[in-house]
Amino acid sequence: MRWFMATQQSLCRFLEVEVTCRVVPAATPWRLFEEDTLSMAVYASLEYLNIKDACIRCQIDSAIPEKRGMGSSAAISIAAIRAVFDYYQAELPRDILEILVNRAEMIAHMNPSGLDAKTCLSDQPIRFIKNVGFEELAMDLSAYLVIADTGVYGHTREAIQVVQSKGKEALPFLYALGELTQQAEEAIKTKRCCEAGRDFNKSTWKSKRNRG
């Protein structure tokens, strides 16, 4: 039996979060489920490699909770795409990886910015400005960012649709979130940890108000 495994790691200073995908032979060809990000990631990889009726399946082991807004779909897609290319012993350039991940991410985000993919592929924080691009941010704080899993499921696609349905009513909330982002970035640069934390909390409250 032949199998190949790819690992996608998201690293921070004291914690390693890992997503593993193992591609193994299967009795039946891979099927595309259009509402499933993993399925689309594998399908897009096979299509790029011009492989038809691929009798494979994927085994995923992820330490990132799903449907929590933590980029789990992008991390899983990256691991799956790498595993498929490894399985067929094909070279995977970085730009092609990002293109395939963003294609799969359309399932979750409709029109993905590419931020989740960039973040998963980097060990530095990423700033994204629409129509401007991406930039890595220096992070040197004597502080911890604690991420707690509430167990409450979310759905990015549905959240986007809610905001879109509000039209112009959403603009003041989006503007306020942009202001808070700039304030938090400045607080991080000047190492004002408490102020950055307050900005994070305010942004969470603003997001809930906008969706509600």
C-alpha atoms as a PDB file:
ATOM      1  CA  MET A   1       0.000   0.000   0.000  1.00  0.00           C
ATOM      2  CA  ARG A   2       1.227   3.497  -0.854  1.00  0.00           C
ATOM      3  CA  TRP A   3       0.332   6.515   1.245  1.00  0.00           C
ATOM      4  CA  PHE A   4       1.675   9.992   1.703  1.00  0.00           C
ATOM      5  CA  MET A   5       1.166  12.480   4.490  1.00  0.00           C
ATOM      6  CA  ALA A   6       1.459  16.248   4.616  1.00  0.00           C
ATOM      7  CA  THR A   7       1.426  18.389   7.717  1.00  0.00           C
ATOM      8  CA  GLN A   8       0.343  22.006   8.001  1.00  0.00           C
ATOM      9  CA  GLN A   9       1.666  23.694  11.124  1.00  0.00           C
ATOM     10  CA  SER A  10       0.614  26.987  12.636  1.00  0.00           C
ATOM     11  CA  LEU A  11       3.319  28.058  15.055  1.00  0.00           C
ATOM     12  CA  CYS A  12       3.397  30.549  17.880  1.00  0.00           C
ATOM     13  CA  ARG A  13       5.904  31.084  20.640  1.00  0.00           C
ATOM     14  CA  PHE A  14       4.793  28.457  23.128  1.00  0.00           C
ATOM     15  CA  LEU A  15       2.171  26.465  21.239  1.00  0.00           C
ATOM     16  CA  GLU A  16       2.233  24.337  18.130  1.00  0.00           C
ATOM     17  CA  VAL A  17      -1.059  23.674  16.375  1.00  0.00           C
ATOM     18  CA  GLU A  18      -0.935  20.980  13.736  1.00  0.00           C
ATOM     19  CA  VAL A  19      -3.168  19.696  10.954  1.00  0.00           C
ATOM     20  CA  THR A  20      -2.220  16.413   9.301  1.00  0.00           C
ATOM     21  CA  CYS A  21      -3.640  14.934   6.099  1.00  0.00           C
ATOM     22  CA  ARG A  22      -2.839  11.409   4.978  1.00  0.00           C
ATOM     23  CA  VAL A  23      -3.754  10.326   1.429  1.00  0.00           C
ATOM     24  CA  VAL A  24      -4.321   6.591   1.033  1.00  0.00           C
ATOM     25  CA  PRO A  25      -5.636   4.355  -1.746  1.00  0.00           C
ATOM     26  CA  ALA A  26      -9.395   3.817  -1.936  1.00  0.00           C
ATOM     27  CA  ALA A  27     -11.699   1.372  -3.703  1.00  0.00           C
ATOM     28  CA  THR A  28     -13.710   4.128  -5.391  1.00  0.00           C
ATOM     29  CA  PRO A  29     -12.787   7.424  -7.110  1.00  0.00           C
ATOM     30  CA  TRP A  30     -12.732  10.702  -5.170  1.00  0.00           C
ATOM     31  CA  ARG A  31     -16.091  12.469  -5.244  1.00  0.00           C
ATOM     32  CA  LEU A  32     -16.629  16.224  -5.211  1.00  0.00           C
ATOM     33  CA  PHE A  33     -19.043  17.592  -2.634  1.00  0.00           C
ATOM     34  CA  GLU A  34     -19.449  21.235  -3.616  1.00  0.00           C
ATOM     35  CA  GLU A  35     -20.308  22.421  -0.082  1.00  0.00           C
ATOM     36  CA  ASP A  36     -17.229  20.837   1.483  1.00  0.00           C
ATOM     37  CA  THR A  37     -13.910  22.713   1.573  1.00  0.00           C
ATOM     38  CA  LEU A  38     -11.736  19.583   1.897  1.00  0.00           C
ATOM     39  CA  SER A  39     -13.503  17.928  -1.017  1.00  0.00           C
ATOM     40  CA  MET A  40     -12.940  21.002  -3.194  1.00  0.00           C
ATOM     41  CA  ALA A  41      -9.264  21.264  -2.168  1.00  0.00           C
ATOM     42  CA  VAL A  42      -8.590  17.678  -3.261  1.00  0.00           C
ATOM     43  CA  TYR A  43     -10.687  18.059  -6.419  1.00  0.00           C
ATOM     44  CA  ALA A  44      -8.872  21.258  -7.411  1.00  0.00           C
ATOM     45  CA  SER A  45      -5.522  19.515  -6.871  1.00  0.00           C
ATOM     46  CA  LEU A  46      -6.489  16.542  -9.005  1.00  0.00           C
ATOM     47  CA  GLU A  47      -7.837  18.829 -11.723  1.00  0.00           C
ATOM     48  CA  TYR A  48      -4.600  20.842 -11.760  1.00  0.00           C
ATOM     49  CA  LEU A  49      -2.576  17.622 -12.006  1.00  0.00           C
ATOM     50  CA  ASN A  50      -4.950  16.382 -14.758  1.00  0.00           C
ATOM     51  CA  ILE A  51      -5.682  13.180 -12.850  1.00  0.00           C
ATOM     52  CA  LYS A  52      -9.103  11.642 -13.450  1.00  0.00           C
ATOM     53  CA  ASP A  53     -10.923   8.984 -11.426  1.00  0.00           C
ATOM     54  CA  ALA A  54      -8.376   9.118  -8.615  1.00  0.00           C
ATOM     55  CA  CYS A  55      -9.048   6.269  -6.216  1.00  0.00           C
ATOM     56  CA  ILE A  56      -7.869   7.975  -3.046  1.00  0.00           C
ATOM     57  CA  ARG A  57      -9.228   9.139   0.277  1.00  0.00           C
ATOM     58  CA  CYS A  58      -7.997  11.535   2.930  1.00  0.00           C
ATOM     59  CA  GLN A  59      -7.521  10.997   6.646  1.00  0.00           C
ATOM     60  CA  ILE A  60      -7.487  14.305   8.558  1.00  0.00           C
ATOM     61  CA  ASP A  61      -6.161  14.887  12.052  1.00  0.00           C
ATOM     62  CA  SER A  62      -6.641  18.521  13.093  1.00  0.00           C
ATOM     63  CA  ALA A  63      -5.924  20.309  16.366  1.00  0.00           C
ATOM     64  CA  ILE A  64      -7.784  23.418  15.146  1.00  0.00           C
ATOM     65  CA  PRO A  65     -11.473  23.507  16.142  1.00  0.00           C
ATOM     66  CA  GLU A  66     -13.802  23.764  13.154  1.00  0.00           C
ATOM     67  CA  LYS A  67     -16.345  26.563  12.638  1.00  0.00           C
ATOM     68  CA  ARG A  68     -14.723  28.858  15.206  1.00  0.00           C
ATOM     69  CA  GLY A  69     -13.289  31.524  12.911  1.00  0.00           C
ATOM     70  CA  MET A  70      -9.729  30.235  13.432  1.00  0.00           C
ATOM     71  CA  GLY A  71      -8.932  29.377   9.815  1.00  0.00           C
ATOM     72  CA  SER A  72      -9.407  25.626  10.135  1.00  0.00           C
ATOM     73  CA  SER A  73     -10.734  25.272   6.579  1.00  0.00           C
ATOM     74  CA  ALA A  74      -7.634  26.943   5.113  1.00  0.00           C
ATOM     75  CA  ALA A  75      -5.265  24.875   7.265  1.00  0.00           C
ATOM     76  CA  ILE A  76      -7.010  21.631   6.285  1.00  0.00           C
ATOM     77  CA  SER A  77      -7.025  22.630   2.612  1.00  0.00           C
ATOM     78  CA  ILE A  78      -3.285  23.360   2.686  1.00  0.00           C
ATOM     79  CA  ALA A  79      -2.504  20.015   4.315  1.00  0.00           C
ATOM     80  CA  ALA A  80      -4.765  18.155   1.852  1.00  0.00           C
ATOM     81  CA  ILE A  81      -3.325  19.852  -1.244  1.00  0.00           C
ATOM     82  CA  ARG A  82       0.234  19.159  -0.110  1.00  0.00           C
ATOM     83  CA  ALA A  83      -0.655  15.534   0.613  1.00  0.00           C
ATOM     84  CA  VAL A  84      -2.219  15.031  -2.831  1.00  0.00           C
ATOM     85  CA  PHE A  85       0.822  16.500  -4.593  1.00  0.00           C
ATOM     86  CA  ASP A  86       3.126  14.367  -2.437  1.00  0.00           C
ATOM     87  CA  TYR A  87       1.055  11.272  -3.211  1.00  0.00           C
ATOM     88  CA  TYR A  88       1.491  11.814  -6.948  1.00  0.00           C
ATOM     89  CA  GLN A  89       5.101  12.947  -6.481  1.00  0.00           C
ATOM     90  CA  ALA A  90       4.411  16.303  -8.109  1.00  0.00           C
ATOM     91  CA  GLU A  91       6.117  19.614  -7.398  1.00  0.00           C
ATOM     92  CA  LEU A  92       3.938  22.203  -5.665  1.00  0.00           C
ATOM     93  CA  PRO A  93       5.069  25.833  -6.094  1.00  0.00           C
ATOM     94  CA  ARG A  94       3.973  28.284  -3.374  1.00  0.00           C
ATOM     95  CA  ASP A  95       1.874  30.403  -5.768  1.00  0.00           C
ATOM     96  CA  ILE A  96      -0.030  27.353  -7.043  1.00  0.00           C
ATOM     97  CA  LEU A  97      -0.669  26.227  -3.467  1.00  0.00           C
ATOM     98  CA  GLU A  98      -2.222  29.603  -2.623  1.00  0.00           C
ATOM     99  CA  ILE A  99      -4.366  29.577  -5.782  1.00  0.00           C
ATOM    100  CA  LEU A 100      -5.721  26.102  -5.004  1.00  0.00           C
ATOM    101  CA  VAL A 101      -6.358  26.952  -1.338  1.00  0.00           C
ATOM    102  CA  ASN A 102      -8.276  30.099  -2.268  1.00  0.00           C
ATOM    103  CA  ARG A 103     -10.356  28.124  -4.744  1.00  0.00           C
ATOM    104  CA  ALA A 104     -11.325  25.714  -1.975  1.00  0.00           C
ATOM    105  CA  GLU A 105     -11.900  28.634   0.420  1.00  0.00           C
ATOM    106  CA  MET A 106     -14.659  29.955  -1.842  1.00  0.00           C
ATOM    107  CA  ILE A 107     -16.851  27.276  -0.267  1.00  0.00           C
ATOM    108  CA  ALA A 108     -16.481  28.891   3.155  1.00  0.00           C
ATOM    109  CA  HIS A 109     -15.953  32.553   2.288  1.00  0.00           C
ATOM    110  CA  MET A 110     -17.646  33.088  -1.099  1.00  0.00           C
ATOM    111  CA  ASN A 111     -14.970  35.604  -2.173  1.00  0.00           C
ATOM    112  CA  PRO A 112     -11.923  34.882  -0.009  1.00  0.00           C
ATOM    113  CA  SER A 113      -9.307  37.586   0.524  1.00  0.00           C
ATOM    114  CA  GLY A 114      -6.538  34.998   0.810  1.00  0.00           C
ATOM    115  CA  LEU A 115      -5.762  36.134   4.358  1.00  0.00           C
ATOM    116  CA  ASP A 116      -6.409  32.751   5.985  1.00  0.00           C
ATOM    117  CA  ALA A 117      -4.125  31.003   3.507  1.00  0.00           C
ATOM    118  CA  LYS A 118      -1.386  33.622   3.941  1.00  0.00           C
ATOM    119  CA  THR A 119      -1.649  33.379   7.733  1.00  0.00           C
ATOM    120  CA  CYS A 120      -1.458  29.582   7.757  1.00  0.00           C
ATOM    121  CA  LEU A 121       1.617  29.672   5.538  1.00  0.00           C
ATOM    122  CA  SER A 122       3.428  32.257   7.655  1.00  0.00           C
ATOM    123  CA  ASP A 123       4.889  32.228  11.161  1.00  0.00           C
ATOM    124  CA  GLN A 124       4.287  35.986  11.475  1.00  0.00           C
ATOM    125  CA  PRO A 125       1.048  37.962  11.918  1.00  0.00           C
ATOM    126  CA  ILE A 126      -0.365  39.262   8.630  1.00  0.00           C
ATOM    127  CA  ARG A 127      -2.025  42.605   7.937  1.00  0.00           C
ATOM    128  CA  PHE A 128      -4.430  42.764   5.002  1.00  0.00           C
ATOM    129  CA  ILE A 129      -5.852  45.912   3.425  1.00  0.00           C
ATOM    130  CA  LYS A 130      -8.305  45.494   0.582  1.00  0.00           C
ATOM    131  CA  ASN A 131      -6.953  46.719  -2.764  1.00  0.00           C
ATOM    132  CA  VAL A 132      -3.544  47.217  -1.131  1.00  0.00           C
ATOM    133  CA  GLY A 133      -2.328  43.740  -0.210  1.00  0.00           C
ATOM    134  CA  PHE A 134      -0.600  41.795   2.564  1.00  0.00           C
ATOM    135  CA  GLU A 135       2.180  42.726   4.943  1.00  0.00           C
ATOM    136  CA  GLU A 136       3.861  40.796   7.739  1.00  0.00           C
ATOM    137  CA  LEU A 137       3.799  42.495  11.145  1.00  0.00           C
ATOM    138  CA  ALA A 138       6.528  42.374  13.746  1.00  0.00           C
ATOM    139  CA  MET A 139       5.282  40.900  17.031  1.00  0.00           C
ATOM    140  CA  ASP A 140       7.405  41.396  20.135  1.00  0.00           C
ATOM    141  CA  LEU A 141       5.090  41.605  23.132  1.00  0.00           C
ATOM    142  CA  SER A 142       5.702  40.445  26.686  1.00  0.00           C
ATOM    143  CA  ALA A 143       2.172  39.084  26.751  1.00  0.00           C
ATOM    144  CA  TYR A 144       0.053  36.045  25.950  1.00  0.00           C
ATOM    145  CA  LEU A 145      -2.917  35.857  23.615  1.00  0.00           C
ATOM    146  CA  VAL A 146      -5.347  33.421  25.195  1.00  0.00           C
ATOM    147  CA  ILE A 147      -7.798  31.794  22.781  1.00  0.00           C
ATOM    148  CA  ALA A 148     -10.666  29.974  24.481  1.00  0.00           C
ATOM    149  CA  ASP A 149     -13.022  27.632  22.651  1.00  0.00           C
ATOM    150  CA  THR A 150     -16.585  28.495  23.670  1.00  0.00           C
ATOM    151  CA  GLY A 151     -17.990  25.491  21.843  1.00  0.00           C
ATOM    152  CA  VAL A 152     -20.307  27.797  19.890  1.00  0.00           C
ATOM    153  CA  TYR A 153     -20.325  27.060  16.171  1.00  0.00           C
ATOM    154  CA  GLY A 154     -20.140  29.834  13.607  1.00  0.00           C
ATOM    155  CA  HIS A 155     -20.288  29.861   9.829  1.00  0.00           C
ATOM    156  CA  THR A 156     -18.259  32.409   7.889  1.00  0.00           C
ATOM    157  CA  ARG A 157     -20.344  32.156   4.723  1.00  0.00           C
ATOM    158  CA  GLU A 158     -23.587  32.839   6.605  1.00  0.00           C
ATOM    159  CA  ALA A 159     -22.003  35.736   8.530  1.00  0.00           C
ATOM    160  CA  ILE A 160     -20.915  37.339   5.248  1.00  0.00           C
ATOM    161  CA  GLN A 161     -24.419  36.988   3.844  1.00  0.00           C
ATOM    162  CA  VAL A 162     -25.923  38.631   6.936  1.00  0.00           C
ATOM    163  CA  VAL A 163     -23.591  41.621   6.641  1.00  0.00           C
ATOM    164  CA  GLN A 164     -24.272  41.917   2.908  1.00  0.00           C
ATOM    165  CA  SER A 165     -28.016  41.870   3.527  1.00  0.00           C
ATOM    166  CA  LYS A 166     -27.696  44.927   5.785  1.00  0.00           C
ATOM    167  CA  GLY A 167     -26.264  46.994   2.961  1.00  0.00           C
ATOM    168  CA  LYS A 168     -25.368  50.557   3.990  1.00  0.00           C
ATOM    169  CA  GLU A 169     -26.553  49.913   7.535  1.00  0.00           C
ATOM    170  CA  ALA A 170     -23.386  47.844   8.069  1.00  0.00           C
ATOM    171  CA  LEU A 171     -20.989  50.615   7.016  1.00  0.00           C
ATOM    172  CA  PRO A 172     -20.698  52.378  10.433  1.00  0.00           C
ATOM    173  CA  PHE A 173     -19.871  49.035  12.098  1.00  0.00           C
ATOM    174  CA  LEU A 174     -17.301  48.143   9.419  1.00  0.00           C
ATOM    175  CA  TYR A 175     -15.715  51.588   9.725  1.00  0.00           C
ATOM    176  CA  ALA A 176     -15.530  51.189  13.516  1.00  0.00           C
ATOM    177  CA  LEU A 177     -13.852  47.783  13.105  1.00  0.00           C
ATOM    178  CA  GLY A 178     -11.295  49.354  10.773  1.00  0.00           C
ATOM    179  CA  GLU A 179     -10.549  52.050  13.342  1.00  0.00           C
ATOM    180  CA  LEU A 180     -10.135  49.462  16.090  1.00  0.00           C
ATOM    181  CA  THR A 181      -7.787  47.455  13.875  1.00  0.00           C
ATOM    182  CA  GLN A 182      -5.553  50.489  13.374  1.00  0.00           C
ATOM    183  CA  GLN A 183      -5.617  51.272  17.096  1.00  0.00           C
ATOM    184  CA  ALA A 184      -4.726  47.675  17.988  1.00  0.00           C
ATOM    185  CA  GLU A 185      -1.868  47.654  15.479  1.00  0.00           C
ATOM    186  CA  GLU A 186      -0.448  50.853  16.968  1.00  0.00           C
ATOM    187  CA  ALA A 187      -0.833  49.460  20.490  1.00  0.00           C
ATOM    188  CA  ILE A 188       1.090  46.326  19.449  1.00  0.00           C
ATOM    189  CA  LYS A 189       3.870  48.396  17.869  1.00  0.00           C
ATOM    190  CA  THR A 190       4.253  50.474  21.038  1.00  0.00           C
ATOM    191  CA  LYS A 191       3.883  47.409  23.297  1.00  0.00           C
ATOM    192  CA  ARG A 192       0.768  48.659  25.095  1.00  0.00           C
ATOM    193  CA  CYS A 193      -0.650  45.198  25.775  1.00  0.00           C
ATOM    194  CA  CYS A 194      -3.688  46.193  27.848  1.00  0.00           C
ATOM    195  CA  GLU A 195      -4.826  48.693  25.246  1.00  0.00           C
ATOM    196  CA  ALA A 196      -4.453  46.101  22.481  1.00  0.00           C
ATOM    197  CA  GLY A 197      -6.537  43.653  24.534  1.00  0.00           C
ATOM    198  CA  ARG A 198      -9.288  46.242  25.005  1.00  0.00           C
ATOM    199  CA  ASP A 199      -9.348  46.883  21.261  1.00  0.00           C
ATOM    200  CA  PHE A 200      -9.709  43.138  20.626  1.00  0.00           C
ATOM    201  CA  ASN A 201     -12.645  42.974  23.042  1.00  0.00           C
ATOM    202  CA  LYS A 202     -14.311  46.011  21.470  1.00  0.00           C
ATOM    203  CA  SER A 203     -13.971  44.524  17.996  1.00  0.00           C
ATOM    204  CA  THR A 204     -15.669  41.325  19.145  1.00  0.00           C
ATOM    205  CA  TRP A 205     -18.560  43.336  20.577  1.00  0.00           C
ATOM    206  CA  LYS A 206     -18.869  45.407  17.376  1.00  0.00           C
ATOM    207  CA  SER A 207     -18.896  42.251  15.233  1.00  0.00           C
ATOM    208  CA  LYS A 208     -21.687  40.720  17.299  1.00  0.00           C
ATOM    209  CA  ARG A 209     -23.723  43.940  17.085  1.00  0.00           C
ATOM    210  CA  ASN A 210     -23.309  44.045  13.321  1.00  0.00           C
ATOM    211  CA  ARG A 211     -24.426  40.429  12.829  1.00  0.00           C
ATOM    212  CA  GLY A 212     -27.259  40.783  15.315  1.00  0.00           C
END
